[in-house]
Amino acid sequence: MILVTGANGFVGQRVVARLAAAQCAVRCLVRPAYKERQWPPGIRVHMVAGDLADIPALRVALQDVDTIIHLAGLWTESGARTFEAVNYRGTLNLIEAALEVGACRIVCLSYPAADRNSAFTFLRSKGLAEEAIKSSGLDYTILRPSLVYGAGDRWTTKIALVLKSIPFVFPVVGDGQTRFQPLWVEDLAACIERCLTDPKTIGHTFALGGPGYLTINDIVDVVAQTLRVHRRKVFVRMPLARTVASWMEGVMPQPLLTRTIVDLLGVDTTTELGAVLRYFGFQPARFVEAVGYLCESRR
């Protein structure tokens, strides 16, 4: 039995679909607000309502589970749901419950530049979670993908929305030169699935990215070309961007910009170009060829 945390999320939905298609026994831990979630036809999974703060629910979700795919994580803090509480202490709770019930394998999704000593609270929480997993005694694999994109993501769909909503100009946070290595969500899901069958991945941390390096400016240009629009870039300094993001977080249920995103837009997230091919045996999709979903969303 495989338990997927964050199963209702952007990456989780793709992973669950792949596992269900492979006839794996899958259990999904979903927050109570999502317990009635309907999966696409043909996907049958067992759902348990709970979150990473609820150790009794974790124990229930982990019954008869031998492998955990840990995708749950927080990108925007709200009240008691802080990065430390969810990303770090939630992972500690998951490890504690896993050891109690006898689960032995965990595949965890982290982030490039995760570091317990980072000045950014998001990256610090991810670094602490990684350390907890490595010292847990579980057979672990940690994946650190660069910018993950696909229909419904938190990056390209927001860029597309701004391009379509604001005439003439597009605001770019910083100087637009931060480098990413965009990885298609379906390729990431394939890497996660392969971790389950390849024992050589145990005990390793993999930094993953697509087949090319792109700056923020490059990504905006590709999205604009895909949508067949033209906008002049206007560069917004980081302090002002953080102020705007803070205001958006206070007034919007799903803000276009958050302080965490502003922080991450200032951190390069690149690795060797052939990492996916080298470690997982296939060539990931090129960004410019895989963003057609943005055209579908505008119809």
C-alpha atoms as a PDB file:
ATOM      1  CA  MET A   1       0.000   0.000   0.000  1.00  0.00           C
ATOM      2  CA  ILE A   2       1.236   3.476  -0.926  1.00  0.00           C
ATOM      3  CA  LEU A   3       0.230   6.585   1.004  1.00  0.00           C
ATOM      4  CA  VAL A   4       0.330   9.895  -0.879  1.00  0.00           C
ATOM      5  CA  THR A   5       0.277  13.078   1.182  1.00  0.00           C
ATOM      6  CA  GLY A   6      -0.773  16.217  -0.667  1.00  0.00           C
ATOM      7  CA  ALA A   7      -2.673  13.975  -3.063  1.00  0.00           C
ATOM      8  CA  ASN A   8      -5.122  16.716  -3.996  1.00  0.00           C
ATOM      9  CA  GLY A   9      -2.330  19.120  -4.980  1.00  0.00           C
ATOM     10  CA  PHE A  10      -0.859  20.079  -8.332  1.00  0.00           C
ATOM     11  CA  VAL A  11       1.785  17.336  -8.354  1.00  0.00           C
ATOM     12  CA  GLY A  12      -0.202  14.906  -6.223  1.00  0.00           C
ATOM     13  CA  GLN A  13      -3.043  14.571  -8.704  1.00  0.00           C
ATOM     14  CA  ARG A  14      -0.627  13.508 -11.445  1.00  0.00           C
ATOM     15  CA  VAL A  15       1.182  11.062  -9.197  1.00  0.00           C
ATOM     16  CA  VAL A  16      -2.039   9.455  -7.998  1.00  0.00           C
ATOM     17  CA  ALA A  17      -3.286   9.128 -11.588  1.00  0.00           C
ATOM     18  CA  ARG A  18      -0.061   7.355 -12.634  1.00  0.00           C
ATOM     19  CA  LEU A  19      -0.134   4.995  -9.672  1.00  0.00           C
ATOM     20  CA  ALA A  20      -3.810   4.183 -10.195  1.00  0.00           C
ATOM     21  CA  ALA A  21      -3.151   3.483 -13.894  1.00  0.00           C
ATOM     22  CA  ALA A  22      -0.395   1.077 -12.831  1.00  0.00           C
ATOM     23  CA  GLN A  23      -2.909  -0.759 -10.606  1.00  0.00           C
ATOM     24  CA  CYS A  24      -1.097   0.219  -7.395  1.00  0.00           C
ATOM     25  CA  ALA A  25      -2.967   0.205  -4.110  1.00  0.00           C
ATOM     26  CA  VAL A  26      -3.119   3.913  -3.242  1.00  0.00           C
ATOM     27  CA  ARG A  27      -4.332   5.740  -0.165  1.00  0.00           C
ATOM     28  CA  CYS A  28      -4.569   9.532  -0.162  1.00  0.00           C
ATOM     29  CA  LEU A  29      -4.238  11.781   2.854  1.00  0.00           C
ATOM     30  CA  VAL A  30      -6.297  14.869   2.128  1.00  0.00           C
ATOM     31  CA  ARG A  31      -7.212  17.800   4.307  1.00  0.00           C
ATOM     32  CA  PRO A  32     -10.829  17.615   5.603  1.00  0.00           C
ATOM     33  CA  ALA A  33     -11.960  20.381   3.261  1.00  0.00           C
ATOM     34  CA  TYR A  34     -11.054  18.121   0.322  1.00  0.00           C
ATOM     35  CA  LYS A  35     -12.444  14.837   1.637  1.00  0.00           C
ATOM     36  CA  GLU A  36     -15.292  14.842  -0.889  1.00  0.00           C
ATOM     37  CA  ARG A  37     -12.948  15.379  -3.815  1.00  0.00           C
ATOM     38  CA  GLN A  38     -13.974  13.537  -6.938  1.00  0.00           C
ATOM     39  CA  TRP A  39     -11.205  11.986  -8.984  1.00  0.00           C
ATOM     40  CA  PRO A  40     -11.435  11.560 -12.767  1.00  0.00           C
ATOM     41  CA  PRO A  41     -13.315   8.495 -14.059  1.00  0.00           C
ATOM     42  CA  GLY A  42     -11.340   5.296 -13.729  1.00  0.00           C
ATOM     43  CA  ILE A  43      -9.219   6.445 -10.792  1.00  0.00           C
ATOM     44  CA  ARG A  44     -10.110   4.587  -7.639  1.00  0.00           C
ATOM     45  CA  VAL A  45      -8.290   5.522  -4.463  1.00  0.00           C
ATOM     46  CA  HIS A  46      -8.949   5.304  -0.760  1.00  0.00           C
ATOM     47  CA  MET A  47      -9.050   8.717   0.925  1.00  0.00           C
ATOM     48  CA  VAL A  48      -8.401   9.512   4.563  1.00  0.00           C
ATOM     49  CA  ALA A  49      -9.314  12.958   5.878  1.00  0.00           C
ATOM     50  CA  GLY A  50      -6.591  14.535   7.968  1.00  0.00           C
ATOM     51  CA  ASP A  51      -3.456  16.620   7.824  1.00  0.00           C
ATOM     52  CA  LEU A  52       0.152  16.500   8.968  1.00  0.00           C
ATOM     53  CA  ALA A  53      -0.718  18.020  12.350  1.00  0.00           C
ATOM     54  CA  ASP A  54      -3.155  15.195  13.165  1.00  0.00           C
ATOM     55  CA  ILE A  55      -1.042  12.264  14.392  1.00  0.00           C
ATOM     56  CA  PRO A  56      -4.046   9.965  15.079  1.00  0.00           C
ATOM     57  CA  ALA A  57      -5.229  10.527  11.486  1.00  0.00           C
ATOM     58  CA  LEU A  58      -1.712   9.812  10.250  1.00  0.00           C
ATOM     59  CA  ARG A  59      -1.704   6.515  12.130  1.00  0.00           C
ATOM     60  CA  VAL A  60      -4.998   5.561  10.486  1.00  0.00           C
ATOM     61  CA  ALA A  61      -3.792   6.613   7.043  1.00  0.00           C
ATOM     62  CA  LEU A  62      -0.573   4.605   7.455  1.00  0.00           C
ATOM     63  CA  GLN A  63      -2.157   1.301   8.408  1.00  0.00           C
ATOM     64  CA  ASP A  64      -0.777  -1.448   6.107  1.00  0.00           C
ATOM     65  CA  VAL A  65       1.312   1.162   4.258  1.00  0.00           C
ATOM     66  CA  ASP A  66       4.909   0.313   3.382  1.00  0.00           C
ATOM     67  CA  THR A  67       5.711   3.293   1.123  1.00  0.00           C
ATOM     68  CA  ILE A  68       5.000   7.010   1.564  1.00  0.00           C
ATOM     69  CA  ILE A  69       5.087   9.617  -1.177  1.00  0.00           C
ATOM     70  CA  HIS A  70       5.324  12.861   0.760  1.00  0.00           C
ATOM     71  CA  LEU A  71       4.139  15.734  -1.427  1.00  0.00           C
ATOM     72  CA  ALA A  72       2.238  17.838   1.112  1.00  0.00           C
ATOM     73  CA  GLY A  73       3.722  21.239   1.758  1.00  0.00           C
ATOM     74  CA  LEU A  74       2.853  24.846   2.427  1.00  0.00           C
ATOM     75  CA  TRP A  75       3.660  27.732   0.085  1.00  0.00           C
ATOM     76  CA  THR A  76       1.828  30.563   1.827  1.00  0.00           C
ATOM     77  CA  GLU A  77       1.660  31.010   5.587  1.00  0.00           C
ATOM     78  CA  SER A  78      -1.678  31.724   7.236  1.00  0.00           C
ATOM     79  CA  GLY A  79      -2.239  31.952  10.982  1.00  0.00           C
ATOM     80  CA  ALA A  80      -1.013  28.808  12.720  1.00  0.00           C
ATOM     81  CA  ARG A  81      -0.216  27.192   9.379  1.00  0.00           C
ATOM     82  CA  THR A  82       3.381  28.363   9.182  1.00  0.00           C
ATOM     83  CA  PHE A  83       6.212  26.878   7.133  1.00  0.00           C
ATOM     84  CA  GLU A  84       7.808  25.457  10.262  1.00  0.00           C
ATOM     85  CA  ALA A  85       4.516  23.985  11.506  1.00  0.00           C
ATOM     86  CA  VAL A  86       3.558  22.291   8.225  1.00  0.00           C
ATOM     87  CA  ASN A  87       6.709  21.691   6.191  1.00  0.00           C
ATOM     88  CA  TYR A  88       8.975  20.759   9.101  1.00  0.00           C
ATOM     89  CA  ARG A  89       6.929  19.700  12.127  1.00  0.00           C
ATOM     90  CA  GLY A  90       4.324  18.074   9.879  1.00  0.00           C
ATOM     91  CA  THR A  91       7.103  15.960   8.374  1.00  0.00           C
ATOM     92  CA  LEU A  92       8.280  15.028  11.884  1.00  0.00           C
ATOM     93  CA  ASN A  93       4.740  13.878  12.700  1.00  0.00           C
ATOM     94  CA  LEU A  94       4.613  11.808   9.519  1.00  0.00           C
ATOM     95  CA  ILE A  95       7.934  10.154  10.340  1.00  0.00           C
ATOM     96  CA  GLU A  96       6.816   9.394  13.908  1.00  0.00           C
ATOM     97  CA  ALA A  97       3.594   7.760  12.728  1.00  0.00           C
ATOM     98  CA  ALA A  98       5.404   5.861   9.956  1.00  0.00           C
ATOM     99  CA  LEU A  99       7.893   4.353  12.393  1.00  0.00           C
ATOM    100  CA  GLU A 100       5.074   3.376  14.758  1.00  0.00           C
ATOM    101  CA  VAL A 101       3.172   1.407  12.110  1.00  0.00           C
ATOM    102  CA  GLY A 102       6.211  -0.057  10.375  1.00  0.00           C
ATOM    103  CA  ALA A 103       6.350   1.829   7.075  1.00  0.00           C
ATOM    104  CA  CYS A 104       9.844   1.609   5.652  1.00  0.00           C
ATOM    105  CA  ARG A 105      10.104   3.734   2.487  1.00  0.00           C
ATOM    106  CA  ILE A 106       9.571   7.441   1.816  1.00  0.00           C
ATOM    107  CA  VAL A 107       9.895   9.523  -1.333  1.00  0.00           C
ATOM    108  CA  CYS A 108       9.798  13.220  -0.490  1.00  0.00           C
ATOM    109  CA  LEU A 109       9.369  16.283  -2.681  1.00  0.00           C
ATOM    110  CA  SER A 110      11.580  19.161  -1.570  1.00  0.00           C
ATOM    111  CA  TYR A 111      12.956  22.288  -3.243  1.00  0.00           C
ATOM    112  CA  PRO A 112      16.336  23.399  -4.643  1.00  0.00           C
ATOM    113  CA  ALA A 113      18.355  25.479  -2.186  1.00  0.00           C
ATOM    114  CA  ALA A 114      16.516  23.948   0.774  1.00  0.00           C
ATOM    115  CA  ASP A 115      18.807  24.629   3.720  1.00  0.00           C
ATOM    116  CA  ARG A 116      18.210  24.721   7.472  1.00  0.00           C
ATOM    117  CA  ASN A 117      20.432  27.822   7.607  1.00  0.00           C
ATOM    118  CA  SER A 118      18.636  29.712   4.831  1.00  0.00           C
ATOM    119  CA  ALA A 119      17.513  33.275   5.484  1.00  0.00           C
ATOM    120  CA  PHE A 120      14.217  32.406   3.765  1.00  0.00           C
ATOM    121  CA  THR A 121      11.761  30.691   6.101  1.00  0.00           C
ATOM    122  CA  PHE A 122      10.310  28.507   3.332  1.00  0.00           C
ATOM    123  CA  LEU A 123      13.724  27.149   2.313  1.00  0.00           C
ATOM    124  CA  ARG A 124      14.705  26.746   5.958  1.00  0.00           C
ATOM    125  CA  SER A 125      11.610  24.644   6.681  1.00  0.00           C
ATOM    126  CA  LYS A 126      12.343  22.440   3.674  1.00  0.00           C
ATOM    127  CA  GLY A 127      15.959  22.010   4.749  1.00  0.00           C
ATOM    128  CA  LEU A 128      14.924  20.976   8.251  1.00  0.00           C
ATOM    129  CA  ALA A 129      12.413  18.494   6.805  1.00  0.00           C
ATOM    130  CA  GLU A 130      15.109  16.959   4.607  1.00  0.00           C
ATOM    131  CA  GLU A 131      17.418  16.494   7.590  1.00  0.00           C
ATOM    132  CA  ALA A 132      14.621  14.860   9.593  1.00  0.00           C
ATOM    133  CA  ILE A 133      13.933  12.387   6.781  1.00  0.00           C
ATOM    134  CA  LYS A 134      17.618  11.534   6.318  1.00  0.00           C
ATOM    135  CA  SER A 135      18.039  10.794  10.018  1.00  0.00           C
ATOM    136  CA  SER A 136      14.729   8.930  10.426  1.00  0.00           C
ATOM    137  CA  GLY A 137      15.971   5.453   9.575  1.00  0.00           C
ATOM    138  CA  LEU A 138      13.474   5.184   6.712  1.00  0.00           C
ATOM    139  CA  ASP A 139      14.661   4.245   3.225  1.00  0.00           C
ATOM    140  CA  TYR A 140      14.425   7.682   1.668  1.00  0.00           C
ATOM    141  CA  THR A 141      14.656   9.409  -1.684  1.00  0.00           C
ATOM    142  CA  ILE A 142      14.461  13.198  -1.842  1.00  0.00           C
ATOM    143  CA  LEU A 143      13.636  14.991  -5.087  1.00  0.00           C
ATOM    144  CA  ARG A 144      14.463  18.671  -5.546  1.00  0.00           C
ATOM    145  CA  PRO A 145      12.827  19.799  -8.792  1.00  0.00           C
ATOM    146  CA  SER A 146      13.324  23.241 -10.282  1.00  0.00           C
ATOM    147  CA  LEU A 147      10.248  25.228 -11.335  1.00  0.00           C
ATOM    148  CA  VAL A 148       7.501  22.643 -12.000  1.00  0.00           C
ATOM    149  CA  TYR A 149       4.967  23.662 -14.616  1.00  0.00           C
ATOM    150  CA  GLY A 150       1.751  22.322 -16.119  1.00  0.00           C
ATOM    151  CA  ALA A 151      -1.963  23.060 -16.268  1.00  0.00           C
ATOM    152  CA  GLY A 152      -3.010  24.571 -12.931  1.00  0.00           C
ATOM    153  CA  ASP A 153       0.494  25.378 -11.711  1.00  0.00           C
ATOM    154  CA  ARG A 154       1.375  28.382  -9.524  1.00  0.00           C
ATOM    155  CA  TRP A 155       3.816  29.848 -12.041  1.00  0.00           C
ATOM    156  CA  THR A 156       2.923  29.835 -15.731  1.00  0.00           C
ATOM    157  CA  THR A 157      -0.834  30.072 -15.267  1.00  0.00           C
ATOM    158  CA  LYS A 158      -0.391  33.230 -13.179  1.00  0.00           C
ATOM    159  CA  ILE A 159       2.011  34.696 -15.734  1.00  0.00           C
ATOM    160  CA  ALA A 160      -0.559  33.968 -18.432  1.00  0.00           C
ATOM    161  CA  LEU A 161      -3.343  35.542 -16.373  1.00  0.00           C
ATOM    162  CA  VAL A 162      -1.364  38.761 -15.909  1.00  0.00           C
ATOM    163  CA  LEU A 163      -0.403  38.846 -19.597  1.00  0.00           C
ATOM    164  CA  LYS A 164      -4.054  38.561 -20.593  1.00  0.00           C
ATOM    165  CA  SER A 165      -5.352  40.961 -17.931  1.00  0.00           C
ATOM    166  CA  ILE A 166      -2.941  43.891 -18.064  1.00  0.00           C
ATOM    167  CA  PRO A 167      -2.494  45.706 -21.388  1.00  0.00           C
ATOM    168  CA  PHE A 168       0.834  46.965 -22.772  1.00  0.00           C
ATOM    169  CA  VAL A 169       3.159  46.030 -19.882  1.00  0.00           C
ATOM    170  CA  PHE A 170       4.168  43.039 -17.755  1.00  0.00           C
ATOM    171  CA  PRO A 171       5.665  43.587 -14.259  1.00  0.00           C
ATOM    172  CA  VAL A 172       8.749  41.426 -13.650  1.00  0.00           C
ATOM    173  CA  VAL A 173      10.013  40.921 -10.103  1.00  0.00           C
ATOM    174  CA  GLY A 174      13.689  41.878  -9.823  1.00  0.00           C
ATOM    175  CA  ASP A 175      15.856  42.106 -12.922  1.00  0.00           C
ATOM    176  CA  GLY A 176      14.405  39.012 -14.569  1.00  0.00           C
ATOM    177  CA  GLN A 177      17.787  37.247 -14.709  1.00  0.00           C
ATOM    178  CA  THR A 178      17.178  34.542 -12.078  1.00  0.00           C
ATOM    179  CA  ARG A 179      17.653  31.172 -13.777  1.00  0.00           C
ATOM    180  CA  PHE A 180      15.331  28.192 -13.629  1.00  0.00           C
ATOM    181  CA  GLN A 181      15.236  24.805 -15.271  1.00  0.00           C
ATOM    182  CA  PRO A 182      11.493  24.238 -15.831  1.00  0.00           C
ATOM    183  CA  LEU A 183      10.374  20.630 -15.382  1.00  0.00           C
ATOM    184  CA  TRP A 184       7.019  19.444 -16.738  1.00  0.00           C
ATOM    185  CA  VAL A 185       4.805  18.069 -13.991  1.00  0.00           C
ATOM    186  CA  GLU A 186       4.161  14.826 -15.888  1.00  0.00           C
ATOM    187  CA  ASP A 187       7.916  14.222 -16.088  1.00  0.00           C
ATOM    188  CA  LEU A 188       8.260  14.829 -12.352  1.00  0.00           C
ATOM    189  CA  ALA A 189       5.422  12.374 -11.691  1.00  0.00           C
ATOM    190  CA  ALA A 190       7.226   9.806 -13.842  1.00  0.00           C
ATOM    191  CA  CYS A 191      10.419  10.292 -11.780  1.00  0.00           C
ATOM    192  CA  ILE A 192       8.479   9.805  -8.550  1.00  0.00           C
ATOM    193  CA  GLU A 193       6.889   6.619  -9.867  1.00  0.00           C
ATOM    194  CA  ARG A 194      10.271   5.231 -10.933  1.00  0.00           C
ATOM    195  CA  CYS A 195      11.694   5.830  -7.468  1.00  0.00           C
ATOM    196  CA  LEU A 196       9.281   3.185  -6.199  1.00  0.00           C
ATOM    197  CA  THR A 197      10.715   0.471  -8.419  1.00  0.00           C
ATOM    198  CA  ASP A 198      14.407   1.391  -8.500  1.00  0.00           C
ATOM    199  CA  PRO A 199      16.242   0.522  -5.265  1.00  0.00           C
ATOM    200  CA  LYS A 200      19.277   2.438  -6.538  1.00  0.00           C
ATOM    201  CA  THR A 201      17.445   5.680  -5.695  1.00  0.00           C
ATOM    202  CA  ILE A 202      17.321   4.846  -1.983  1.00  0.00           C
ATOM    203  CA  GLY A 203      19.480   7.064   0.190  1.00  0.00           C
ATOM    204  CA  HIS A 204      19.913   9.740  -2.463  1.00  0.00           C
ATOM    205  CA  THR A 205      18.848  13.335  -3.053  1.00  0.00           C
ATOM    206  CA  PHE A 206      18.267  14.255  -6.698  1.00  0.00           C
ATOM    207  CA  ALA A 207      18.207  17.794  -8.071  1.00  0.00           C
ATOM    208  CA  LEU A 208      16.019  17.680 -11.174  1.00  0.00           C
ATOM    209  CA  GLY A 209      15.244  20.048 -14.007  1.00  0.00           C
ATOM    210  CA  GLY A 210      14.209  20.202 -17.615  1.00  0.00           C
ATOM    211  CA  PRO A 211      16.536  20.146 -20.644  1.00  0.00           C
ATOM    212  CA  GLY A 212      17.280  23.884 -20.689  1.00  0.00           C
ATOM    213  CA  TYR A 213      18.114  26.881 -18.520  1.00  0.00           C
ATOM    214  CA  LEU A 214      15.650  29.780 -18.714  1.00  0.00           C
ATOM    215  CA  THR A 215      15.615  33.140 -16.958  1.00  0.00           C
ATOM    216  CA  ILE A 216      12.402  34.709 -15.710  1.00  0.00           C
ATOM    217  CA  ASN A 217      12.536  36.960 -18.772  1.00  0.00           C
ATOM    218  CA  ASP A 218      12.806  33.897 -21.024  1.00  0.00           C
ATOM    219  CA  ILE A 219       9.838  32.217 -19.345  1.00  0.00           C
ATOM    220  CA  VAL A 220       7.665  35.332 -19.711  1.00  0.00           C
ATOM    221  CA  ASP A 221       8.666  35.575 -23.383  1.00  0.00           C
ATOM    222  CA  VAL A 222       7.746  31.931 -24.069  1.00  0.00           C
ATOM    223  CA  VAL A 223       4.369  32.291 -22.346  1.00  0.00           C
ATOM    224  CA  ALA A 224       3.662  35.544 -24.227  1.00  0.00           C
ATOM    225  CA  GLN A 225       4.581  33.932 -27.547  1.00  0.00           C
ATOM    226  CA  THR A 226       2.374  30.943 -26.760  1.00  0.00           C
ATOM    227  CA  LEU A 227      -0.553  33.278 -26.068  1.00  0.00           C
ATOM    228  CA  ARG A 228       0.359  35.471 -29.074  1.00  0.00           C
ATOM    229  CA  VAL A 229       0.510  38.658 -27.058  1.00  0.00           C
ATOM    230  CA  HIS A 230       3.212  41.279 -26.717  1.00  0.00           C
ATOM    231  CA  ARG A 231       3.959  43.206 -23.532  1.00  0.00           C
ATOM    232  CA  ARG A 232       6.799  45.497 -22.530  1.00  0.00           C
ATOM    233  CA  LYS A 233       8.512  44.325 -19.353  1.00  0.00           C
ATOM    234  CA  VAL A 234       8.554  46.675 -16.385  1.00  0.00           C
ATOM    235  CA  PHE A 235      11.010  45.631 -13.677  1.00  0.00           C
ATOM    236  CA  VAL A 236       9.893  45.891 -10.055  1.00  0.00           C
ATOM    237  CA  ARG A 237      12.474  46.009  -7.290  1.00  0.00           C
ATOM    238  CA  MET A 238      12.335  43.265  -4.693  1.00  0.00           C
ATOM    239  CA  PRO A 239      11.360  45.444  -1.673  1.00  0.00           C
ATOM    240  CA  LEU A 240       8.405  46.912  -3.576  1.00  0.00           C
ATOM    241  CA  ALA A 241       7.421  43.476  -4.854  1.00  0.00           C
ATOM    242  CA  ARG A 242       7.386  42.126  -1.289  1.00  0.00           C
ATOM    243  CA  THR A 243       5.177  45.025  -0.194  1.00  0.00           C
ATOM    244  CA  VAL A 244       2.725  44.335  -3.018  1.00  0.00           C
ATOM    245  CA  ALA A 245       2.800  40.606  -2.253  1.00  0.00           C
ATOM    246  CA  SER A 246       2.075  41.251   1.417  1.00  0.00           C
ATOM    247  CA  TRP A 247      -0.924  43.382   0.460  1.00  0.00           C
ATOM    248  CA  MET A 248      -2.205  40.700  -1.942  1.00  0.00           C
ATOM    249  CA  GLU A 249      -1.896  38.025   0.743  1.00  0.00           C
ATOM    250  CA  GLY A 250      -4.042  40.176   3.027  1.00  0.00           C
ATOM    251  CA  VAL A 251      -6.882  40.847   0.574  1.00  0.00           C
ATOM    252  CA  MET A 252      -6.915  37.939  -1.903  1.00  0.00           C
ATOM    253  CA  PRO A 253      -7.887  34.336  -1.066  1.00  0.00           C
ATOM    254  CA  GLN A 254      -5.503  33.194  -3.830  1.00  0.00           C
ATOM    255  CA  PRO A 255      -3.011  36.026  -4.360  1.00  0.00           C
ATOM    256  CA  LEU A 256      -1.236  36.360  -7.702  1.00  0.00           C
ATOM    257  CA  LEU A 257       1.979  37.124  -5.843  1.00  0.00           C
ATOM    258  CA  THR A 258       3.157  36.018  -2.396  1.00  0.00           C
ATOM    259  CA  ARG A 259       6.196  36.922  -0.347  1.00  0.00           C
ATOM    260  CA  THR A 260       7.466  33.359  -0.732  1.00  0.00           C
ATOM    261  CA  ILE A 261       7.265  33.586  -4.515  1.00  0.00           C
ATOM    262  CA  VAL A 262       9.118  36.904  -4.413  1.00  0.00           C
ATOM    263  CA  ASP A 263      11.863  35.261  -2.348  1.00  0.00           C
ATOM    264  CA  LEU A 264      12.121  32.261  -4.682  1.00  0.00           C
ATOM    265  CA  LEU A 265      12.233  34.493  -7.758  1.00  0.00           C
ATOM    266  CA  GLY A 266      15.584  35.712  -6.468  1.00  0.00           C
ATOM    267  CA  VAL A 267      17.164  32.242  -6.120  1.00  0.00           C
ATOM    268  CA  ASP A 268      18.653  30.319  -9.054  1.00  0.00           C
ATOM    269  CA  THR A 269      17.360  26.714  -9.200  1.00  0.00           C
ATOM    270  CA  THR A 270      19.419  24.879 -11.788  1.00  0.00           C
ATOM    271  CA  THR A 271      21.264  21.583 -11.921  1.00  0.00           C
ATOM    272  CA  GLU A 272      22.988  19.482 -14.578  1.00  0.00           C
ATOM    273  CA  LEU A 273      20.999  19.460 -17.810  1.00  0.00           C
ATOM    274  CA  GLY A 274      20.988  15.678 -18.142  1.00  0.00           C
ATOM    275  CA  ALA A 275      19.945  14.855 -14.580  1.00  0.00           C
ATOM    276  CA  VAL A 276      16.576  13.290 -15.443  1.00  0.00           C
ATOM    277  CA  LEU A 277      18.053  11.272 -18.327  1.00  0.00           C
ATOM    278  CA  ARG A 278      21.009  10.166 -16.209  1.00  0.00           C
ATOM    279  CA  TYR A 279      19.074   9.099 -13.132  1.00  0.00           C
ATOM    280  CA  PHE A 280      15.658   8.140 -14.508  1.00  0.00           C
ATOM    281  CA  GLY A 281      16.328   7.099 -18.083  1.00  0.00           C
ATOM    282  CA  PHE A 282      14.246   9.502 -20.162  1.00  0.00           C
ATOM    283  CA  GLN A 283      14.541  12.947 -21.710  1.00  0.00           C
ATOM    284  CA  PRO A 284      12.135  15.480 -20.137  1.00  0.00           C
ATOM    285  CA  ALA A 285       9.960  17.760 -22.248  1.00  0.00           C
ATOM    286  CA  ARG A 286      11.236  21.112 -23.460  1.00  0.00           C
ATOM    287  CA  PHE A 287       9.379  24.047 -21.914  1.00  0.00           C
ATOM    288  CA  VAL A 288       8.518  25.720 -25.204  1.00  0.00           C
ATOM    289  CA  GLU A 289       6.955  22.488 -26.511  1.00  0.00           C
ATOM    290  CA  ALA A 290       4.902  21.614 -23.414  1.00  0.00           C
ATOM    291  CA  VAL A 291       3.062  24.839 -22.577  1.00  0.00           C
ATOM    292  CA  GLY A 292       0.205  24.318 -25.034  1.00  0.00           C
ATOM    293  CA  TYR A 293      -2.166  23.958 -22.064  1.00  0.00           C
ATOM    294  CA  LEU A 294      -2.002  27.753 -21.746  1.00  0.00           C
ATOM    295  CA  CYS A 295      -3.713  28.096 -25.135  1.00  0.00           C
ATOM    296  CA  GLU A 296      -6.410  25.656 -24.072  1.00  0.00           C
ATOM    297  CA  SER A 297      -7.073  27.675 -20.903  1.00  0.00           C
ATOM    298  CA  ARG A 298      -7.810  30.838 -22.872  1.00  0.00           C
ATOM    299  CA  ARG A 299     -10.645  29.307 -24.909  1.00  0.00           C
END
